[in-house]
Amino acid sequence: GKMNKLLIAFGLIILFVALPCASQEFDPY
């Protein structure tokens, strides 16, 4: 339904925002 697509879109946004932040934490520089 509409809610499902909203949750999926929200999850994807969180992934694209969280992944660079997480990789920066593990980055030695």
PDB file of N, CA and C in Angstrom:
ATOM      1  N   GLY A   1       0.806  -1.209   0.000  1.00  0.00           N
ATOM      2  CA  GLY A   1       0.000   0.000   0.000  1.00  0.00           C
ATOM      3  C   GLY A   1       0.841   1.262   0.000  1.00  0.00           C
ATOM      4  N   LYS A   2       0.190   2.370   0.230  1.00  0.00           N
ATOM      5  CA  LYS A   2       0.878   3.661   0.227  1.00  0.00           C
ATOM      6  C   LYS A   2       1.880   3.739   1.387  1.00  0.00           C
ATOM      7  N   MET A   3       1.465   3.216   2.538  1.00  0.00           N
ATOM      8  CA  MET A   3       2.327   3.273   3.717  1.00  0.00           C
ATOM      9  C   MET A   3       3.595   2.453   3.498  1.00  0.00           C
ATOM     10  N   ASN A   4       3.451   1.311   2.814  1.00  0.00           N
ATOM     11  CA  ASN A   4       4.609   0.446   2.568  1.00  0.00           C
ATOM     12  C   ASN A   4       5.656   1.166   1.738  1.00  0.00           C
ATOM     13  N   LYS A   5       5.218   1.848   0.676  1.00  0.00           N
ATOM     14  CA  LYS A   5       6.160   2.571  -0.181  1.00  0.00           C
ATOM     15  C   LYS A   5       6.833   3.693   0.595  1.00  0.00           C
ATOM     16  N   LEU A   6       6.078   4.325   1.490  1.00  0.00           N
ATOM     17  CA  LEU A   6       6.637   5.412   2.283  1.00  0.00           C
ATOM     18  C   LEU A   6       7.745   4.883   3.192  1.00  0.00           C
ATOM     19  N   LEU A   7       7.479   3.726   3.820  1.00  0.00           N
ATOM     20  CA  LEU A   7       8.480   3.136   4.712  1.00  0.00           C
ATOM     21  C   LEU A   7       9.725   2.720   3.939  1.00  0.00           C
ATOM     22  N   ILE A   8       9.532   2.156   2.761  1.00  0.00           N
ATOM     23  CA  ILE A   8      10.676   1.733   1.945  1.00  0.00           C
ATOM     24  C   ILE A   8      11.506   2.951   1.532  1.00  0.00           C
ATOM     25  N   ALA A   9      10.837   4.007   1.099  1.00  0.00           N
ATOM     26  CA  ALA A   9      11.542   5.223   0.694  1.00  0.00           C
ATOM     27  C   ALA A   9      12.300   5.817   1.882  1.00  0.00           C
ATOM     28  N   PHE A  10      11.660   5.826   3.048  1.00  0.00           N
ATOM     29  CA  PHE A  10      12.293   6.360   4.252  1.00  0.00           C
ATOM     30  C   PHE A  10      13.514   5.530   4.620  1.00  0.00           C
ATOM     31  N   GLY A  11      13.383   4.205   4.515  1.00  0.00           N
ATOM     32  CA  GLY A  11      14.503   3.313   4.824  1.00  0.00           C
ATOM     33  C   GLY A  11      15.673   3.534   3.879  1.00  0.00           C
ATOM     34  N   LEU A  12      15.369   3.737   2.594  1.00  0.00           N
ATOM     35  CA  LEU A  12      16.434   3.967   1.614  1.00  0.00           C
ATOM     36  C   LEU A  12      17.157   5.274   1.903  1.00  0.00           C
ATOM     37  N   ILE A  13      16.400   6.301   2.262  1.00  0.00           N
ATOM     38  CA  ILE A  13      17.017   7.593   2.583  1.00  0.00           C
ATOM     39  C   ILE A  13      17.939   7.439   3.791  1.00  0.00           C
ATOM     40  N   ILE A  14      17.469   6.721   4.805  1.00  0.00           N
ATOM     41  CA  ILE A  14      18.286   6.504   6.004  1.00  0.00           C
ATOM     42  C   ILE A  14      19.563   5.757   5.631  1.00  0.00           C
ATOM     43  N   LEU A  15      19.433   4.755   4.752  1.00  0.00           N
ATOM     44  CA  LEU A  15      20.614   3.990   4.337  1.00  0.00           C
ATOM     45  C   LEU A  15      21.622   4.896   3.643  1.00  0.00           C
ATOM     46  N   PHE A  16      21.159   5.713   2.698  1.00  0.00           N
ATOM     47  CA  PHE A  16      22.073   6.567   1.943  1.00  0.00           C
ATOM     48  C   PHE A  16      22.683   7.656   2.825  1.00  0.00           C
ATOM     49  N   VAL A  17      21.981   8.026   3.904  1.00  0.00           N
ATOM     50  CA  VAL A  17      22.527   9.034   4.818  1.00  0.00           C
ATOM     51  C   VAL A  17      23.469   8.385   5.828  1.00  0.00           C
ATOM     52  N   ALA A  18      23.088   7.199   6.324  1.00  0.00           N
ATOM     53  CA  ALA A  18      23.850   6.558   7.395  1.00  0.00           C
ATOM     54  C   ALA A  18      25.134   5.909   6.887  1.00  0.00           C
ATOM     55  N   LEU A  19      25.102   5.368   5.667  1.00  0.00           N
ATOM     56  CA  LEU A  19      26.291   4.662   5.166  1.00  0.00           C
ATOM     57  C   LEU A  19      27.515   5.569   5.048  1.00  0.00           C
ATOM     58  N   PRO A  20      27.417   6.761   4.447  1.00  0.00           N
ATOM     59  CA  PRO A  20      28.591   7.643   4.390  1.00  0.00           C
ATOM     60  C   PRO A  20      29.075   8.054   5.778  1.00  0.00           C
ATOM     61  N   CYS A  21      28.164   8.273   6.704  1.00  0.00           N
ATOM     62  CA  CYS A  21      28.544   8.645   8.068  1.00  0.00           C
ATOM     63  C   CYS A  21      29.295   7.497   8.727  1.00  0.00           C
ATOM     64  N   ALA A  22      28.808   6.272   8.542  1.00  0.00           N
ATOM     65  CA  ALA A  22      29.448   5.106   9.140  1.00  0.00           C
ATOM     66  C   ALA A  22      30.828   4.885   8.528  1.00  0.00           C
ATOM     67  N   SER A  23      30.954   5.050   7.209  1.00  0.00           N
ATOM     68  CA  SER A  23      32.238   4.828   6.550  1.00  0.00           C
ATOM     69  C   SER A  23      33.236   5.913   6.962  1.00  0.00           C
ATOM     70  N   GLN A  24      32.751   7.108   7.258  1.00  0.00           N
ATOM     71  CA  GLN A  24      33.639   8.175   7.708  1.00  0.00           C
ATOM     72  C   GLN A  24      34.191   7.856   9.094  1.00  0.00           C
ATOM     73  N   GLU A  25      33.376   7.219   9.939  1.00  0.00           N
ATOM     74  CA  GLU A  25      33.832   6.873  11.282  1.00  0.00           C
ATOM     75  C   GLU A  25      34.960   5.852  11.220  1.00  0.00           C
ATOM     76  N   PHE A  26      34.853   4.898  10.271  1.00  0.00           N
ATOM     77  CA  PHE A  26      35.872   3.859  10.154  1.00  0.00           C
ATOM     78  C   PHE A  26      37.080   4.342   9.344  1.00  0.00           C
ATOM     79  N   ASP A  27      36.931   5.487   8.689  1.00  0.00           N
ATOM     80  CA  ASP A  27      38.019   6.016   7.875  1.00  0.00           C
ATOM     81  C   ASP A  27      39.135   6.550   8.780  1.00  0.00           C
ATOM     82  N   PRO A  28      40.379   6.120   8.580  1.00  0.00           N
ATOM     83  CA  PRO A  28      41.475   6.559   9.462  1.00  0.00           C
ATOM     84  C   PRO A  28      41.789   8.042   9.320  1.00  0.00           C
ATOM     85  N   TYR A  29      41.448   8.630   8.167  1.00  0.00           N
ATOM     86  CA  TYR A  29      41.735  10.049   7.998  1.00  0.00           C
ATOM     87  C   TYR A  29      40.640  10.874   8.640  1.00  0.00           C
TER      88      TYR A  29
END
